């Protein structure tokens, strides 16, 4: 059986010793090296070419995020699994954006680390359980910001067509109200759907409600 080759990078010798002892009990893993700072982690990753680098964020000389970026820039085929005490959202997101493959909290390392190493080695992502809620919240906030930016791109006439469409008026009724042709109404609606990245009329209704447009046209 081919073992997963692991490089440990943490500036605390006691923690590295504990991790080494923990992984020694796994028949499918072997620790091939240890690094005491970020620069050392990069050098050893280049020299040893581990399958998985278990890395702390708060590293001397070069921090963990920069280690991940430089490993990715160099094209090394190394999965980086961050092992940290930081559960804050900003650290998790920065690790993922830098190119990290997984994120484990030191507080739960004894129960999750082996699973995490095997998961990232397979090419999958591993996150501690509550991280999913953090990512979902971040996604919702970004989606809301994106929608806000796209809505601001609508012209005043497009907003009128959006509101009247959401209120249930037909093309001809909207055309009569705005003194334009029904074909022009259809053109406006297509443009609105494209700008807001929408695919169904029901989505127009939801956005109109969120923006308070229906009250003015009901």
N, C-alpha and C. Protein backbone atom coordinates (compact mmCIF):
# COMPACT_ATOMS: atom_id res chain seq x y z
N UNK A 1 0.85 -1.20 0.00
CA UNK A 1 0.00 0.00 0.00
C UNK A 1 0.88 1.25 0.00
N UNK A 2 0.58 2.15 -0.93
CA UNK A 2 1.34 3.39 -1.00
C UNK A 2 0.86 4.36 0.05
N UNK A 3 1.78 4.87 0.86
CA UNK A 3 1.41 5.77 1.94
C UNK A 3 1.29 7.22 1.46
N UNK A 4 0.48 7.96 2.21
CA UNK A 4 0.36 9.40 1.96
C UNK A 4 1.54 10.08 2.64
N UNK A 5 2.34 10.78 1.86
CA UNK A 5 3.55 11.41 2.39
C UNK A 5 3.20 12.81 2.90
N UNK A 6 3.44 13.03 4.20
CA UNK A 6 2.99 14.26 4.86
C UNK A 6 4.19 15.07 5.35
N UNK A 7 4.13 16.37 5.10
CA UNK A 7 5.10 17.33 5.63
C UNK A 7 4.40 18.18 6.67
N UNK A 8 4.96 18.25 7.88
CA UNK A 8 4.38 19.03 8.96
C UNK A 8 5.07 20.38 9.06
N UNK A 9 4.30 21.47 9.12
CA UNK A 9 4.89 22.81 9.22
C UNK A 9 4.20 23.58 10.34
N UNK A 10 4.92 23.72 11.45
CA UNK A 10 4.42 24.47 12.60
C UNK A 10 5.62 24.89 13.42
N UNK A 11 5.57 26.08 14.01
CA UNK A 11 6.73 26.57 14.74
C UNK A 11 6.80 26.07 16.18
N UNK A 12 5.83 25.27 16.60
CA UNK A 12 5.84 24.71 17.95
C UNK A 12 6.28 23.24 17.90
N UNK A 13 7.45 22.97 18.49
CA UNK A 13 8.03 21.63 18.46
C UNK A 13 7.14 20.60 19.15
N UNK A 14 6.50 21.00 20.24
CA UNK A 14 5.65 20.07 20.98
C UNK A 14 4.46 19.63 20.14
N UNK A 15 3.87 20.60 19.41
CA UNK A 15 2.74 20.26 18.55
C UNK A 15 3.18 19.34 17.42
N UNK A 16 4.32 19.63 16.81
CA UNK A 16 4.81 18.78 15.72
C UNK A 16 5.05 17.35 16.22
N UNK A 17 5.59 17.23 17.42
CA UNK A 17 5.84 15.91 17.98
C UNK A 17 4.53 15.16 18.20
N UNK A 18 3.53 15.88 18.68
CA UNK A 18 2.22 15.27 18.90
C UNK A 18 1.58 14.82 17.60
N UNK A 19 1.70 15.65 16.56
CA UNK A 19 1.14 15.30 15.25
C UNK A 19 1.86 14.10 14.66
N UNK A 20 3.18 14.10 14.80
CA UNK A 20 3.97 12.98 14.27
C UNK A 20 3.55 11.67 14.95
N UNK A 21 3.36 11.71 16.26
CA UNK A 21 2.94 10.52 17.00
C UNK A 21 1.54 10.08 16.59
N UNK A 22 0.67 11.07 16.35
CA UNK A 22 -0.70 10.78 15.94
C UNK A 22 -0.73 10.09 14.58
N UNK A 23 0.03 10.62 13.64
CA UNK A 23 0.04 10.06 12.29
C UNK A 23 0.80 8.74 12.21
N UNK A 24 1.70 8.51 13.15
CA UNK A 24 2.48 7.26 13.14
C UNK A 24 1.58 6.04 13.33
N UNK A 25 0.44 6.25 13.93
CA UNK A 25 -0.48 5.14 14.14
C UNK A 25 -1.36 4.84 12.95
N UNK A 26 -1.20 5.60 11.87
CA UNK A 26 -2.01 5.38 10.65
C UNK A 26 -1.19 4.62 9.61
N UNK A 27 -1.60 3.42 9.24
CA UNK A 27 -0.81 2.60 8.33
C UNK A 27 -0.68 3.17 6.91
N UNK A 28 -1.58 4.10 6.55
CA UNK A 28 -1.54 4.65 5.19
C UNK A 28 -0.88 6.02 5.14
N UNK A 29 -0.18 6.42 6.23
CA UNK A 29 0.46 7.74 6.25
C UNK A 29 1.88 7.65 6.78
N UNK A 30 2.72 8.57 6.33
CA UNK A 30 4.06 8.70 6.88
C UNK A 30 4.49 10.17 6.85
N UNK A 31 5.11 10.61 7.95
CA UNK A 31 5.62 11.96 8.03
C UNK A 31 7.04 11.95 7.45
N UNK A 32 7.24 12.70 6.38
CA UNK A 32 8.54 12.68 5.71
C UNK A 32 9.41 13.87 6.06
N UNK A 33 8.86 14.83 6.81
CA UNK A 33 9.66 16.00 7.18
C UNK A 33 8.89 16.96 8.04
N UNK A 34 9.62 17.88 8.66
CA UNK A 34 9.03 18.92 9.50
C UNK A 34 9.66 20.27 9.15
N UNK A 35 8.85 21.32 9.22
CA UNK A 35 9.34 22.67 8.95
C UNK A 35 8.99 23.56 10.14
N UNK A 36 9.90 24.45 10.50
CA UNK A 36 9.71 25.29 11.68
C UNK A 36 9.25 26.70 11.36
N UNK A 37 9.31 27.09 10.08
CA UNK A 37 8.83 28.41 9.67
C UNK A 37 8.35 28.35 8.23
N UNK A 38 7.73 29.44 7.75
CA UNK A 38 7.15 29.45 6.41
C UNK A 38 8.16 29.25 5.30
N UNK A 39 9.30 29.89 5.41
CA UNK A 39 10.34 29.76 4.37
C UNK A 39 10.83 28.32 4.30
N UNK A 40 11.03 27.71 5.47
CA UNK A 40 11.46 26.32 5.54
C UNK A 40 10.41 25.39 4.93
N UNK A 41 9.13 25.72 5.15
CA UNK A 41 8.05 24.90 4.59
C UNK A 41 8.10 24.89 3.06
N UNK A 42 8.36 26.06 2.48
CA UNK A 42 8.44 26.15 1.02
C UNK A 42 9.63 25.36 0.49
N UNK A 43 10.78 25.53 1.14
CA UNK A 43 12.00 24.84 0.71
C UNK A 43 11.81 23.32 0.79
N UNK A 44 11.24 22.85 1.91
CA UNK A 44 11.06 21.41 2.07
C UNK A 44 9.98 20.86 1.13
N UNK A 45 8.98 21.67 0.85
CA UNK A 45 7.96 21.23 -0.11
C UNK A 45 8.58 21.04 -1.49
N UNK A 46 9.49 21.93 -1.85
CA UNK A 46 10.20 21.81 -3.13
C UNK A 46 11.10 20.58 -3.15
N UNK A 47 11.77 20.33 -2.03
CA UNK A 47 12.76 19.24 -1.97
C UNK A 47 12.12 17.87 -1.79
N UNK A 48 11.13 17.78 -0.91
CA UNK A 48 10.56 16.48 -0.56
C UNK A 48 9.34 16.10 -1.39
N UNK A 49 8.69 17.10 -1.98
CA UNK A 49 7.47 16.88 -2.78
C UNK A 49 6.45 15.99 -2.03
N UNK A 50 5.98 16.44 -0.87
CA UNK A 50 5.00 15.65 -0.11
C UNK A 50 3.66 15.61 -0.84
N UNK A 51 2.84 14.66 -0.47
CA UNK A 51 1.47 14.63 -1.01
C UNK A 51 0.62 15.69 -0.33
N UNK A 52 0.83 15.83 0.98
CA UNK A 52 0.04 16.79 1.77
C UNK A 52 0.97 17.58 2.69
N UNK A 53 0.79 18.89 2.68
CA UNK A 53 1.49 19.77 3.62
C UNK A 53 0.50 20.21 4.67
N UNK A 54 0.73 19.83 5.93
CA UNK A 54 -0.10 20.27 7.04
C UNK A 54 0.55 21.54 7.59
N UNK A 55 -0.15 22.66 7.48
CA UNK A 55 0.47 23.97 7.67
C UNK A 55 -0.31 24.86 8.63
N UNK A 56 0.42 25.52 9.55
CA UNK A 56 -0.21 26.52 10.41
C UNK A 56 -0.23 27.85 9.67
N UNK A 57 -1.22 28.70 9.96
CA UNK A 57 -1.28 30.03 9.34
C UNK A 57 -0.23 30.96 9.92
N UNK A 58 -0.14 30.97 11.26
CA UNK A 58 0.76 31.90 11.95
C UNK A 58 2.18 31.32 12.01
N UNK A 59 2.90 31.45 10.90
CA UNK A 59 4.26 30.93 10.81
C UNK A 59 5.27 32.08 10.79
N UNK A 60 6.45 31.90 11.41
CA UNK A 60 7.49 32.94 11.35
C UNK A 60 8.04 33.08 9.93
N UNK A 61 8.66 34.22 9.67
CA UNK A 61 9.32 34.55 8.40
C UNK A 61 8.34 34.71 7.24
N UNK A 62 7.64 33.67 6.90
CA UNK A 62 6.63 33.74 5.85
C UNK A 62 5.35 33.13 6.40
N UNK A 63 4.24 33.90 6.39
CA UNK A 63 3.01 33.36 6.97
C UNK A 63 2.40 32.28 6.08
N UNK A 64 1.47 31.54 6.66
CA UNK A 64 0.89 30.40 5.97
C UNK A 64 0.22 30.72 4.65
N UNK A 65 -0.47 31.86 4.60
CA UNK A 65 -1.16 32.25 3.36
C UNK A 65 -0.15 32.47 2.23
N UNK A 66 0.96 33.11 2.55
CA UNK A 66 1.99 33.35 1.54
C UNK A 66 2.65 32.03 1.11
N UNK A 67 2.79 31.11 2.06
CA UNK A 67 3.33 29.78 1.72
C UNK A 67 2.45 29.12 0.67
N UNK A 68 1.14 29.16 0.90
CA UNK A 68 0.21 28.54 -0.05
C UNK A 68 0.33 29.19 -1.42
N UNK A 69 0.35 30.52 -1.46
CA UNK A 69 0.43 31.23 -2.74
C UNK A 69 1.72 30.86 -3.49
N UNK A 70 2.83 30.83 -2.79
CA UNK A 70 4.10 30.55 -3.46
C UNK A 70 4.18 29.11 -3.93
N UNK A 71 3.60 28.19 -3.18
CA UNK A 71 3.56 26.79 -3.62
C UNK A 71 2.71 26.67 -4.88
N UNK A 72 1.60 27.40 -4.93
CA UNK A 72 0.75 27.36 -6.13
C UNK A 72 1.46 28.02 -7.30
N UNK A 73 2.14 29.14 -7.07
CA UNK A 73 2.84 29.84 -8.15
C UNK A 73 3.95 28.97 -8.74
N UNK A 74 4.57 28.15 -7.91
CA UNK A 74 5.64 27.28 -8.37
C UNK A 74 5.13 26.01 -9.03
N UNK A 75 3.81 25.81 -8.99
CA UNK A 75 3.22 24.66 -9.65
C UNK A 75 3.49 23.33 -8.97
N UNK A 76 3.78 23.36 -7.67
CA UNK A 76 4.04 22.12 -6.95
C UNK A 76 2.75 21.34 -6.74
N UNK A 77 2.81 20.05 -6.99
CA UNK A 77 1.63 19.20 -6.82
C UNK A 77 1.54 18.76 -5.36
N UNK A 78 1.22 19.72 -4.51
CA UNK A 78 1.14 19.49 -3.07
C UNK A 78 -0.21 20.01 -2.57
N UNK A 79 -0.96 19.15 -1.89
CA UNK A 79 -2.21 19.59 -1.29
C UNK A 79 -1.88 20.24 0.05
N UNK A 80 -2.39 21.46 0.27
CA UNK A 80 -2.09 22.17 1.51
C UNK A 80 -3.31 22.12 2.42
N UNK A 81 -3.10 21.53 3.60
CA UNK A 81 -4.14 21.43 4.61
C UNK A 81 -3.75 22.34 5.78
N UNK A 82 -4.54 23.37 6.02
CA UNK A 82 -4.24 24.31 7.10
C UNK A 82 -4.76 23.75 8.42
N UNK A 83 -3.87 23.75 9.42
CA UNK A 83 -4.22 23.32 10.77
C UNK A 83 -3.98 24.52 11.68
N UNK A 84 -5.04 25.09 12.22
CA UNK A 84 -4.92 26.37 12.91
C UNK A 84 -5.86 26.48 14.10
N UNK A 85 -5.59 27.43 14.95
CA UNK A 85 -6.48 27.72 16.07
C UNK A 85 -7.54 28.75 15.68
N UNK A 86 -7.41 29.35 14.49
CA UNK A 86 -8.31 30.43 14.07
C UNK A 86 -9.56 29.87 13.39
N UNK A 87 -10.71 30.13 13.98
CA UNK A 87 -11.97 29.69 13.38
C UNK A 87 -12.70 30.84 12.70
N UNK A 88 -12.11 32.05 12.75
CA UNK A 88 -12.77 33.22 12.17
C UNK A 88 -12.93 33.07 10.66
N UNK A 89 -14.03 33.64 10.16
CA UNK A 89 -14.38 33.52 8.75
C UNK A 89 -13.30 34.06 7.82
N UNK A 90 -12.67 35.19 8.20
CA UNK A 90 -11.73 35.81 7.29
C UNK A 90 -10.53 34.91 7.00
N UNK A 91 -10.11 34.13 8.00
CA UNK A 91 -8.98 33.24 7.78
C UNK A 91 -9.36 32.10 6.84
N UNK A 92 -10.52 31.52 7.07
CA UNK A 92 -10.99 30.43 6.23
C UNK A 92 -11.08 30.86 4.77
N UNK A 93 -11.70 32.01 4.53
CA UNK A 93 -11.88 32.49 3.16
C UNK A 93 -10.54 32.82 2.50
N UNK A 94 -9.62 33.40 3.26
CA UNK A 94 -8.32 33.73 2.70
C UNK A 94 -7.55 32.47 2.32
N UNK A 95 -7.66 31.43 3.13
CA UNK A 95 -6.98 30.17 2.82
C UNK A 95 -7.52 29.57 1.53
N UNK A 96 -8.84 29.56 1.38
CA UNK A 96 -9.45 28.98 0.18
C UNK A 96 -9.10 29.80 -1.05
N UNK A 97 -9.09 31.13 -0.92
CA UNK A 97 -8.77 31.97 -2.07
C UNK A 97 -7.30 31.84 -2.46
N UNK A 98 -6.45 31.58 -1.47
CA UNK A 98 -5.02 31.42 -1.77
C UNK A 98 -4.73 30.10 -2.47
N UNK A 99 -5.64 29.13 -2.33
CA UNK A 99 -5.44 27.84 -2.98
C UNK A 99 -5.32 26.67 -2.04
N UNK A 100 -5.66 26.88 -0.76
CA UNK A 100 -5.62 25.78 0.21
C UNK A 100 -6.67 24.73 -0.10
N UNK A 101 -6.39 23.49 0.28
CA UNK A 101 -7.31 22.39 0.00
C UNK A 101 -8.19 22.02 1.19
N UNK A 102 -7.79 22.45 2.39
CA UNK A 102 -8.57 22.08 3.56
C UNK A 102 -8.25 22.95 4.74
N UNK A 103 -9.11 22.87 5.77
CA UNK A 103 -9.00 23.75 6.93
C UNK A 103 -9.48 22.97 8.15
N UNK A 104 -8.57 22.75 9.10
CA UNK A 104 -8.89 21.99 10.32
C UNK A 104 -8.50 22.82 11.53
N UNK A 105 -9.31 22.79 12.56
CA UNK A 105 -9.00 23.50 13.79
C UNK A 105 -8.16 22.62 14.70
N UNK A 106 -7.16 23.23 15.33
CA UNK A 106 -6.28 22.47 16.23
C UNK A 106 -7.07 21.85 17.38
N UNK A 107 -8.14 22.49 17.77
CA UNK A 107 -8.94 21.98 18.89
C UNK A 107 -9.55 20.62 18.59
N UNK A 108 -9.72 20.30 17.31
CA UNK A 108 -10.34 19.02 16.94
C UNK A 108 -9.42 18.18 16.09
N UNK A 109 -8.13 18.47 16.12
CA UNK A 109 -7.18 17.79 15.23
C UNK A 109 -7.14 16.30 15.47
N UNK A 110 -7.29 15.86 16.71
CA UNK A 110 -7.16 14.44 16.99
C UNK A 110 -8.27 13.62 16.37
N UNK A 111 -9.42 14.22 16.12
CA UNK A 111 -10.53 13.48 15.53
C UNK A 111 -10.72 13.73 14.04
N UNK A 112 -10.23 14.85 13.56
CA UNK A 112 -10.51 15.22 12.17
C UNK A 112 -9.29 15.20 11.25
N UNK A 113 -8.09 15.27 11.81
CA UNK A 113 -6.91 15.46 10.98
C UNK A 113 -6.69 14.33 9.99
N UNK A 114 -6.79 13.09 10.46
CA UNK A 114 -6.55 11.97 9.55
C UNK A 114 -7.56 11.94 8.40
N UNK A 115 -8.82 12.18 8.76
CA UNK A 115 -9.86 12.23 7.71
C UNK A 115 -9.56 13.35 6.73
N UNK A 116 -9.13 14.50 7.26
CA UNK A 116 -8.83 15.65 6.40
C UNK A 116 -7.67 15.35 5.46
N UNK A 117 -6.63 14.72 5.97
CA UNK A 117 -5.47 14.38 5.14
C UNK A 117 -5.88 13.45 4.00
N UNK A 118 -6.65 12.44 4.33
CA UNK A 118 -7.09 11.50 3.29
C UNK A 118 -8.00 12.19 2.27
N UNK A 119 -8.84 13.10 2.76
CA UNK A 119 -9.78 13.79 1.87
C UNK A 119 -9.05 14.68 0.87
N UNK A 120 -8.14 15.51 1.35
CA UNK A 120 -7.44 16.41 0.42
C UNK A 120 -6.49 15.63 -0.49
N UNK A 121 -5.97 14.52 0.00
CA UNK A 121 -5.10 13.69 -0.85
C UNK A 121 -5.87 13.13 -2.04
N UNK A 122 -7.17 12.89 -1.85
CA UNK A 122 -8.01 12.41 -2.95
C UNK A 122 -8.37 13.53 -3.92
N UNK A 123 -7.99 14.74 -3.59
CA UNK A 123 -8.31 15.87 -4.46
C UNK A 123 -9.60 16.56 -4.09
N UNK A 124 -10.14 16.24 -2.93
CA UNK A 124 -11.37 16.87 -2.47
C UNK A 124 -11.04 17.92 -1.40
N UNK A 125 -11.99 18.76 -1.11
CA UNK A 125 -11.81 19.80 -0.09
C UNK A 125 -12.31 19.29 1.25
N UNK A 126 -11.64 19.73 2.32
CA UNK A 126 -12.09 19.38 3.66
C UNK A 126 -12.19 20.64 4.51
N UNK A 127 -13.36 20.83 5.15
CA UNK A 127 -13.57 21.97 6.04
C UNK A 127 -14.16 21.48 7.35
N UNK A 128 -13.81 22.14 8.44
CA UNK A 128 -14.40 21.76 9.72
C UNK A 128 -15.91 22.02 9.65
N UNK A 129 -16.72 21.24 10.38
CA UNK A 129 -18.18 21.25 10.20
C UNK A 129 -18.84 22.63 10.15
N UNK A 130 -18.56 23.52 11.10
CA UNK A 130 -19.25 24.81 11.13
C UNK A 130 -18.78 25.75 10.04
N UNK A 131 -17.71 25.39 9.31
CA UNK A 131 -17.22 26.25 8.23
C UNK A 131 -18.24 26.36 7.11
N UNK A 132 -19.06 25.33 6.93
CA UNK A 132 -20.08 25.36 5.88
C UNK A 132 -21.04 26.52 6.08
N UNK A 133 -21.43 26.75 7.33
CA UNK A 133 -22.34 27.86 7.62
C UNK A 133 -21.68 29.20 7.31
N UNK A 134 -20.38 29.33 7.60
CA UNK A 134 -19.66 30.56 7.32
C UNK A 134 -19.60 30.83 5.82
N UNK A 135 -19.33 29.79 5.05
CA UNK A 135 -19.24 29.95 3.59
C UNK A 135 -20.60 30.28 3.00
N UNK A 136 -21.65 29.66 3.53
CA UNK A 136 -23.00 29.93 3.04
C UNK A 136 -23.38 31.38 3.29
N UNK A 137 -23.05 31.88 4.48
CA UNK A 137 -23.36 33.27 4.81
C UNK A 137 -22.58 34.23 3.91
N UNK A 138 -21.31 33.90 3.66
CA UNK A 138 -20.50 34.73 2.77
C UNK A 138 -21.08 34.74 1.37
N UNK A 139 -21.55 33.58 0.91
CA UNK A 139 -22.15 33.48 -0.43
C UNK A 139 -23.41 34.34 -0.51
N UNK A 140 -24.22 34.27 0.53
CA UNK A 140 -25.47 35.05 0.52
C UNK A 140 -25.18 36.54 0.50
N UNK A 141 -24.19 36.95 1.28
CA UNK A 141 -23.84 38.38 1.32
C UNK A 141 -23.32 38.83 -0.04
N UNK A 142 -22.47 38.02 -0.65
CA UNK A 142 -21.91 38.39 -1.95
C UNK A 142 -22.99 38.40 -3.02
N UNK A 143 -23.90 37.44 -2.94
CA UNK A 143 -24.99 37.39 -3.92
C UNK A 143 -25.86 38.63 -3.79
N UNK A 144 -26.11 39.05 -2.52
CA UNK A 144 -26.90 40.25 -2.30
C UNK A 144 -26.20 41.48 -2.83
N UNK A 145 -24.87 41.55 -2.64
CA UNK A 145 -24.10 42.68 -3.16
C UNK A 145 -24.11 42.70 -4.68
N UNK A 146 -23.98 41.51 -5.28
CA UNK A 146 -23.98 41.43 -6.75
C UNK A 146 -25.32 41.87 -7.31
N UNK A 147 -26.41 41.42 -6.64
CA UNK A 147 -27.73 41.80 -7.10
C UNK A 147 -27.90 43.30 -7.00
N UNK A 148 -27.41 43.88 -5.89
CA UNK A 148 -27.53 45.33 -5.70
C UNK A 148 -26.80 46.07 -6.81
N UNK A 149 -25.59 45.62 -7.15
CA UNK A 149 -24.81 46.27 -8.20
C UNK A 149 -25.52 46.16 -9.55
N UNK A 150 -26.08 44.97 -9.83
CA UNK A 150 -26.76 44.78 -11.12
C UNK A 150 -28.03 45.63 -11.20
N UNK A 151 -28.76 45.72 -10.08
CA UNK A 151 -29.98 46.51 -10.07
C UNK A 151 -29.68 47.98 -10.36
N UNK A 152 -28.59 48.48 -9.84
CA UNK A 152 -28.21 49.87 -10.07
C UNK A 152 -27.95 50.16 -11.55
N UNK A 153 -27.68 49.11 -12.33
CA UNK A 153 -27.41 49.29 -13.75
C UNK A 153 -28.69 49.47 -14.58
N UNK A 154 -29.85 49.21 -13.97
CA UNK A 154 -31.11 49.36 -14.70
C UNK A 154 -31.46 50.83 -14.89
N UNK A 155 -31.99 51.14 -16.06
CA UNK A 155 -32.46 52.51 -16.31
C UNK A 155 -33.80 52.71 -15.62
N UNK A 156 -34.26 53.94 -15.57
CA UNK A 156 -35.54 54.24 -14.92
C UNK A 156 -36.69 53.53 -15.65
N UNK A 157 -36.64 53.51 -16.98
CA UNK A 157 -37.69 52.85 -17.75
C UNK A 157 -37.66 51.34 -17.52
N UNK A 158 -36.46 50.77 -17.42
CA UNK A 158 -36.35 49.33 -17.17
C UNK A 158 -36.92 48.98 -15.79
N UNK A 159 -36.73 49.85 -14.82
CA UNK A 159 -37.29 49.61 -13.49
C UNK A 159 -38.83 49.68 -13.53
N UNK A 160 -39.35 50.58 -14.36
CA UNK A 160 -40.80 50.66 -14.50
C UNK A 160 -41.36 49.38 -15.11
N UNK A 161 -40.70 48.90 -16.14
CA UNK A 161 -41.14 47.66 -16.80
C UNK A 161 -41.03 46.49 -15.83
N UNK A 162 -39.96 46.46 -15.06
CA UNK A 162 -39.78 45.40 -14.07
C UNK A 162 -40.92 45.41 -13.06
N UNK A 163 -41.24 46.58 -12.52
CA UNK A 163 -42.30 46.69 -11.52
C UNK A 163 -43.66 46.28 -12.08
N UNK A 164 -43.98 46.73 -13.28
CA UNK A 164 -45.27 46.42 -13.88
C UNK A 164 -45.38 44.94 -14.27
N UNK A 165 -44.27 44.38 -14.73
CA UNK A 165 -44.25 42.95 -15.06
C UNK A 165 -44.48 42.13 -13.80
N UNK A 166 -43.78 42.50 -12.72
CA UNK A 166 -43.92 41.77 -11.47
C UNK A 166 -45.32 41.91 -10.89
N UNK A 167 -45.97 43.04 -11.19
CA UNK A 167 -47.33 43.28 -10.68
C UNK A 167 -48.37 42.50 -11.47
N UNK A 168 -47.96 41.84 -12.56
CA UNK A 168 -48.87 40.98 -13.31
C UNK A 168 -49.47 41.59 -14.56
N UNK A 169 -49.04 42.77 -14.97
CA UNK A 169 -49.57 43.39 -16.18
C UNK A 169 -49.04 42.68 -17.41
N UNK A 170 -49.86 42.61 -18.45
CA UNK A 170 -49.44 42.00 -19.71
C UNK A 170 -48.58 42.99 -20.48
N UNK A 171 -47.93 42.48 -21.53
CA UNK A 171 -47.11 43.35 -22.37
C UNK A 171 -47.91 44.53 -22.90
N UNK A 172 -49.14 44.25 -23.39
CA UNK A 172 -49.95 45.31 -23.98
C UNK A 172 -50.37 46.33 -22.93
N UNK A 173 -50.69 45.84 -21.73
CA UNK A 173 -51.10 46.75 -20.66
C UNK A 173 -49.93 47.65 -20.24
N UNK A 174 -48.76 47.07 -20.19
CA UNK A 174 -47.57 47.86 -19.85
C UNK A 174 -47.30 48.88 -20.95
N UNK A 175 -47.45 48.42 -22.19
CA UNK A 175 -47.23 49.31 -23.33
C UNK A 175 -48.19 50.50 -23.28
N UNK A 176 -49.45 50.24 -22.95
CA UNK A 176 -50.44 51.31 -22.88
C UNK A 176 -50.10 52.30 -21.75
N UNK A 177 -49.67 51.78 -20.62
CA UNK A 177 -49.34 52.64 -19.48
C UNK A 177 -48.13 53.52 -19.78
N UNK A 178 -47.13 52.96 -20.48
CA UNK A 178 -45.89 53.69 -20.71
C UNK A 178 -45.84 54.37 -22.08
N UNK A 179 -46.92 54.17 -22.86
CA UNK A 179 -47.03 54.75 -24.20
C UNK A 179 -45.85 54.32 -25.08
N UNK A 180 -45.65 53.03 -25.10
CA UNK A 180 -44.65 52.42 -25.99
C UNK A 180 -45.29 51.20 -26.62
N UNK A 181 -44.60 50.55 -27.56
CA UNK A 181 -45.17 49.37 -28.21
C UNK A 181 -44.94 48.12 -27.34
N UNK A 182 -45.77 47.11 -27.57
CA UNK A 182 -45.64 45.84 -26.84
C UNK A 182 -44.29 45.18 -27.16
N UNK A 183 -43.83 45.36 -28.37
CA UNK A 183 -42.54 44.79 -28.75
C UNK A 183 -41.41 45.45 -27.97
N UNK A 184 -41.53 46.75 -27.77
CA UNK A 184 -40.51 47.46 -26.98
C UNK A 184 -40.52 46.98 -25.54
N UNK A 185 -41.69 46.70 -25.01
CA UNK A 185 -41.80 46.16 -23.65
C UNK A 185 -41.05 44.84 -23.55
N UNK A 186 -41.25 43.99 -24.55
CA UNK A 186 -40.58 42.70 -24.57
C UNK A 186 -39.06 42.87 -24.63
N UNK A 187 -38.61 43.86 -25.40
CA UNK A 187 -37.17 44.14 -25.49
C UNK A 187 -36.63 44.59 -24.14
N UNK A 188 -37.38 45.47 -23.46
CA UNK A 188 -36.97 45.93 -22.13
C UNK A 188 -36.87 44.75 -21.16
N UNK A 189 -37.89 43.87 -21.21
CA UNK A 189 -37.89 42.75 -20.27
C UNK A 189 -36.71 41.82 -20.51
N UNK A 190 -36.40 41.56 -21.76
CA UNK A 190 -35.25 40.71 -22.09
C UNK A 190 -33.95 41.34 -21.58
N UNK A 191 -33.87 42.65 -21.73
CA UNK A 191 -32.67 43.37 -21.27
C UNK A 191 -32.56 43.31 -19.75
N UNK A 192 -33.70 43.44 -19.06
CA UNK A 192 -33.71 43.36 -17.59
C UNK A 192 -33.25 41.98 -17.13
N UNK A 193 -33.79 40.93 -17.75
CA UNK A 193 -33.44 39.57 -17.37
C UNK A 193 -31.95 39.32 -17.56
N UNK A 194 -31.41 39.87 -18.64
CA UNK A 194 -29.99 39.69 -18.93
C UNK A 194 -29.13 40.44 -17.91
N UNK A 195 -29.49 41.69 -17.62
CA UNK A 195 -28.71 42.49 -16.68
C UNK A 195 -28.72 41.90 -15.27
N UNK A 196 -29.86 41.36 -14.86
CA UNK A 196 -29.99 40.81 -13.50
C UNK A 196 -29.65 39.33 -13.44
N UNK A 197 -29.30 38.75 -14.58
CA UNK A 197 -28.96 37.33 -14.65
C UNK A 197 -30.11 36.47 -14.13
N UNK A 198 -31.31 36.72 -14.65
CA UNK A 198 -32.50 35.99 -14.25
C UNK A 198 -32.97 35.09 -15.38
N UNK A 199 -33.75 34.08 -15.02
CA UNK A 199 -34.20 33.12 -16.03
C UNK A 199 -35.71 32.87 -16.00
N UNK A 200 -36.38 33.30 -14.93
CA UNK A 200 -37.82 33.07 -14.81
C UNK A 200 -38.52 34.34 -14.34
N UNK A 201 -39.77 34.47 -14.75
CA UNK A 201 -40.55 35.66 -14.36
C UNK A 201 -40.72 35.74 -12.84
N UNK A 202 -40.81 34.59 -12.18
CA UNK A 202 -40.98 34.59 -10.73
C UNK A 202 -39.82 35.29 -10.03
N UNK A 203 -38.63 35.23 -10.65
CA UNK A 203 -37.47 35.90 -10.07
C UNK A 203 -37.62 37.41 -10.15
N UNK A 204 -38.28 37.89 -11.19
CA UNK A 204 -38.56 39.32 -11.31
C UNK A 204 -39.43 39.80 -10.16
N UNK A 205 -40.41 38.97 -9.82
CA UNK A 205 -41.33 39.32 -8.73
C UNK A 205 -40.58 39.44 -7.41
N UNK A 206 -39.68 38.49 -7.15
CA UNK A 206 -38.93 38.51 -5.89
C UNK A 206 -38.06 39.76 -5.78
N UNK A 207 -37.39 40.11 -6.88
CA UNK A 207 -36.53 41.29 -6.85
C UNK A 207 -37.36 42.56 -6.69
N UNK A 208 -38.50 42.62 -7.37
CA UNK A 208 -39.37 43.79 -7.27
C UNK A 208 -39.87 43.96 -5.84
N UNK A 209 -40.19 42.85 -5.18
CA UNK A 209 -40.63 42.91 -3.79
C UNK A 209 -39.50 43.39 -2.89
N UNK A 210 -38.30 42.86 -3.09
CA UNK A 210 -37.17 43.25 -2.25
C UNK A 210 -36.83 44.72 -2.42
N UNK A 211 -37.06 45.24 -3.63
CA UNK A 211 -36.72 46.63 -3.91
C UNK A 211 -37.88 47.59 -3.62
N UNK A 212 -39.02 47.05 -3.18
CA UNK A 212 -40.15 47.91 -2.86
C UNK A 212 -40.81 48.52 -4.07
N UNK A 213 -40.65 47.89 -5.25
CA UNK A 213 -41.20 48.47 -6.48
C UNK A 213 -42.69 48.21 -6.64
N UNK A 214 -43.20 47.14 -6.06
CA UNK A 214 -44.61 46.80 -6.28
C UNK A 214 -45.56 47.77 -5.60
N UNK A 215 -45.13 48.32 -4.50
CA UNK A 215 -46.02 49.26 -3.78
C UNK A 215 -46.39 50.46 -4.64
N UNK A 216 -45.42 50.88 -5.46
CA UNK A 216 -45.65 52.09 -6.27
C UNK A 216 -46.50 51.83 -7.50
N UNK A 217 -46.61 50.54 -7.86
CA UNK A 217 -47.31 50.23 -9.10
C UNK A 217 -48.49 49.28 -8.91
N UNK A 218 -48.87 49.03 -7.65
CA UNK A 218 -49.97 48.11 -7.41
C UNK A 218 -51.31 48.83 -7.48
